Amino acid sequence: MPRTSLSSTRDHPHNGPHPGPHHRSRRTTAAWAARAGTALAALVLSAAAWSHGDVTPQAVDTAALPKLGETWRGENPFRGNEVAVRIGSSAYNQNCARCHGLEAISGGIAPDLRKLDDECASLKEGARRTACITEIDDYYATTVRRGRTRNGAVYMPPFEGVMNQEAVWAIKAYLETRRDKPLQAAQK
């Protein structure tokens, strides 16, 4: 009886050697990888959408801060106030960090708030720098109060009526301690 090797018994007359029961063709492997990649991408996108979805703002205890009244200030009245910085740090972590990042270091979902007043940092002339900082304060307060919507998509919810003025300015006082570029000493 002639000797046959295992491979010769698996030969298919039309397709050459049979690949065996544990072999996947390149086409099957590529299709499986594409399906796995699509599933992974869908999972990542749904997690990102869920994490940036409807979030209930957390209350901020501002009892230790002076009351600012109903009329919104044009610039931060709590700049350099240590109590406000402490309250602002807690308020930021509870309400802002999920989008703007822990310690104001953005993870890419929303702007990096350490850079908020970077353009003011290099100004040496006191009046110009003060005007720049006041303009950024107004931009910040307006953005927090009204939120950001583009093409019908909410990128940041409005916080007016949810957070009081003291909480909003306390968060700004905290953000000023996290600046990417510290303010230089003013020249007169």
Protein backbone atom coordinates (compact mmCIF):
# COMPACT_ATOMS: atom_id res chain seq x y z
CA MET A 1 0.00 0.00 0.00
CA PRO A 2 1.47 3.36 -0.99
CA ARG A 3 2.34 5.77 1.75
CA THR A 4 0.42 9.04 1.79
CA SER A 5 1.25 12.05 3.80
CA LEU A 6 -1.34 13.91 5.82
CA SER A 7 -1.12 16.90 3.50
CA SER A 8 -1.71 14.79 0.43
CA THR A 9 -4.93 13.39 1.89
CA ARG A 10 -6.21 16.96 2.43
CA ASP A 11 -5.55 18.09 -1.11
CA HIS A 12 -8.65 19.27 -2.89
CA PRO A 13 -8.60 18.53 -6.61
CA HIS A 14 -9.66 22.05 -7.63
CA ASN A 15 -8.30 24.42 -4.95
CA GLY A 16 -4.97 23.01 -3.97
CA PRO A 17 -4.20 22.05 -0.37
CA HIS A 18 -7.13 22.23 2.04
CA PRO A 19 -6.48 24.82 4.74
CA GLY A 20 -7.68 22.64 7.60
CA PRO A 21 -10.42 23.22 10.17
CA HIS A 22 -8.67 26.01 12.13
CA HIS A 23 -7.62 28.17 9.21
CA ARG A 24 -9.38 31.40 8.29
CA SER A 25 -8.98 32.87 4.89
CA ARG A 26 -7.53 36.36 4.69
CA ARG A 27 -10.91 37.64 3.52
CA THR A 28 -12.69 36.17 6.57
CA THR A 29 -10.06 37.59 8.94
CA ALA A 30 -10.30 41.04 7.36
CA ALA A 31 -14.10 41.00 7.58
CA TRP A 32 -13.94 39.95 11.23
CA ALA A 33 -11.42 42.70 12.01
CA ALA A 34 -13.58 45.28 10.22
CA ARG A 35 -16.66 44.23 12.23
CA ALA A 36 -14.68 44.34 15.48
CA GLY A 37 -13.28 47.79 14.60
CA THR A 38 -16.76 49.09 13.77
CA ALA A 39 -18.15 47.73 17.04
CA LEU A 40 -15.28 49.27 19.02
CA ALA A 41 -15.75 52.65 17.32
CA ALA A 42 -19.49 52.57 18.04
CA LEU A 43 -18.79 51.74 21.68
CA VAL A 44 -16.28 54.60 22.04
CA LEU A 45 -18.60 57.11 20.34
CA SER A 46 -21.59 56.08 22.42
CA ALA A 47 -19.53 56.35 25.61
CA ALA A 48 -18.36 59.83 24.60
CA ALA A 49 -21.91 60.90 23.77
CA TRP A 50 -23.22 59.45 27.02
CA SER A 51 -20.52 61.12 29.13
CA HIS A 52 -21.23 64.49 27.50
CA GLY A 53 -25.01 64.07 27.59
CA ASP A 54 -27.56 65.34 30.06
CA VAL A 55 -25.83 65.95 33.36
CA THR A 56 -27.48 67.39 36.43
CA PRO A 57 -25.47 70.34 37.74
CA GLN A 58 -24.36 69.99 41.34
CA ALA A 59 -25.19 72.60 43.95
CA VAL A 60 -22.39 74.94 45.00
CA ASP A 61 -22.27 76.17 48.58
CA THR A 62 -21.28 79.85 48.36
CA ALA A 63 -22.39 80.85 51.87
CA ALA A 64 -18.79 81.80 52.81
CA LEU A 65 -18.59 84.35 49.97
CA PRO A 66 -19.97 87.90 49.93
CA LYS A 67 -23.30 88.18 48.09
CA LEU A 68 -22.96 89.89 44.72
CA GLY A 69 -26.62 90.66 44.04
CA GLU A 70 -28.75 90.11 40.96
CA THR A 71 -26.80 92.29 38.51
CA TRP A 72 -23.95 90.37 36.95
CA ARG A 73 -20.50 91.84 37.39
CA GLY A 74 -18.36 92.61 34.36
CA GLU A 75 -15.19 91.28 35.93
CA ASN A 76 -14.25 88.75 38.57
CA PRO A 77 -14.77 90.22 42.04
CA PHE A 78 -13.17 87.15 43.67
CA ARG A 79 -9.80 87.32 41.88
CA GLY A 80 -7.13 86.15 44.35
CA ASN A 81 -9.68 85.36 47.10
CA GLU A 82 -8.50 82.11 48.76
CA VAL A 83 -11.98 81.15 49.99
CA ALA A 84 -13.39 81.66 46.49
CA VAL A 85 -10.55 79.59 44.99
CA ARG A 86 -11.34 76.70 47.36
CA ILE A 87 -15.08 76.89 46.60
CA GLY A 88 -14.36 77.31 42.90
CA SER A 89 -12.12 74.24 42.86
CA SER A 90 -14.90 72.10 44.32
CA ALA A 91 -17.55 73.64 42.03
CA TYR A 92 -15.33 73.14 38.97
CA ASN A 93 -14.70 69.48 39.80
CA GLN A 94 -18.42 68.85 40.34
CA ASN A 95 -19.75 70.71 37.32
CA CYS A 96 -17.03 71.38 34.74
CA ALA A 97 -14.33 68.70 34.94
CA ARG A 98 -16.33 66.02 33.12
CA CYS A 99 -15.96 68.06 29.91
CA HIS A 100 -13.10 70.49 30.56
CA GLY A 101 -10.87 67.96 32.35
CA LEU A 102 -9.54 67.38 35.85
CA GLU A 103 -7.59 70.36 37.18
CA ALA A 104 -8.74 72.25 34.04
CA ILE A 105 -6.52 70.10 31.79
CA SER A 106 -8.77 69.30 28.85
CA GLY A 107 -9.02 65.77 27.58
CA GLY A 108 -10.17 67.00 24.20
CA ILE A 109 -13.96 67.23 24.60
CA ALA A 110 -14.03 70.92 25.51
CA PRO A 111 -11.56 73.83 25.59
CA ASP A 112 -8.61 73.78 27.98
CA LEU A 113 -9.60 76.51 30.44
CA ARG A 114 -6.01 77.02 31.64
CA LYS A 115 -5.49 78.85 28.36
CA LEU A 116 -8.55 81.08 28.70
CA ASP A 117 -6.63 84.32 29.19
CA ASP A 118 -3.30 83.35 27.62
CA GLU A 119 -3.40 86.32 25.25
CA CYS A 120 -3.49 88.68 28.28
CA ALA A 121 -0.48 87.05 29.95
CA SER A 122 2.17 88.61 27.76
CA LEU A 123 0.79 92.15 27.94
CA LYS A 124 3.09 94.24 30.14
CA GLU A 125 1.31 97.58 30.00
CA GLY A 126 -1.15 97.67 32.92
CA ALA A 127 -4.15 99.34 31.26
CA ARG A 128 -4.07 97.07 28.19
CA ARG A 129 -3.69 93.94 30.29
CA THR A 130 -6.49 95.02 32.64
CA ALA A 131 -8.78 95.66 29.64
CA CYS A 132 -7.86 92.25 28.20
CA ILE A 133 -8.61 90.45 31.46
CA THR A 134 -11.92 92.31 31.85
CA GLU A 135 -12.88 91.30 28.30
CA ILE A 136 -12.02 87.64 29.03
CA ASP A 137 -14.00 87.80 32.31
CA ASP A 138 -17.04 89.05 30.39
CA TYR A 139 -16.61 86.35 27.73
CA TYR A 140 -16.28 83.67 30.42
CA ALA A 141 -19.36 84.81 32.38
CA THR A 142 -21.46 85.13 29.22
CA THR A 143 -20.44 81.68 28.03
CA VAL A 144 -21.18 80.03 31.38
CA ARG A 145 -24.51 81.82 31.71
CA ARG A 146 -25.78 81.21 28.16
CA GLY A 147 -23.90 78.05 27.19
CA ARG A 148 -22.74 77.20 23.67
CA THR A 149 -24.93 75.85 20.88
CA ARG A 150 -23.87 75.37 17.26
CA ASN A 151 -26.11 74.11 14.47
CA GLY A 152 -28.68 73.02 17.04
CA ALA A 153 -26.18 70.90 18.99
CA VAL A 154 -25.57 71.85 22.62
CA TYR A 155 -21.83 71.94 23.30
CA MET A 156 -22.22 73.48 26.74
CA PRO A 157 -25.49 73.86 28.63
CA PRO A 158 -26.45 77.28 30.04
CA PHE A 159 -25.83 77.57 33.78
CA GLU A 160 -27.71 80.81 34.44
CA GLY A 161 -30.43 80.04 36.96
CA VAL A 162 -28.59 76.87 37.93
CA MET A 163 -25.45 78.42 39.45
CA ASN A 164 -25.47 81.78 41.14
CA GLN A 165 -23.07 84.57 40.29
CA GLU A 166 -20.90 83.81 43.32
CA ALA A 167 -20.37 80.20 42.13
CA VAL A 168 -19.55 81.26 38.57
CA TRP A 169 -16.96 83.81 39.72
CA ALA A 170 -15.52 81.40 42.30
CA ILE A 171 -14.88 78.92 39.47
CA LYS A 172 -13.13 81.69 37.50
CA ALA A 173 -11.01 82.51 40.58
CA TYR A 174 -9.97 78.84 40.70
CA LEU A 175 -9.22 78.78 36.95
CA GLU A 176 -6.94 81.78 37.37
CA THR A 177 -4.77 79.66 39.68
CA ARG A 178 -4.50 77.04 36.91
CA ARG A 179 -3.33 79.41 34.15
CA ASP A 180 -1.15 77.95 31.45
CA LYS A 181 0.82 81.22 31.28
CA PRO A 182 1.04 83.22 34.51
CA LEU A 183 0.37 86.94 34.23
CA GLN A 184 3.53 89.03 34.16
CA ALA A 185 3.99 91.97 36.49
CA ALA A 186 2.37 95.08 35.07
CA GLN A 187 4.45 98.05 33.97
CA LYS A 188 3.06 101.50 34.55
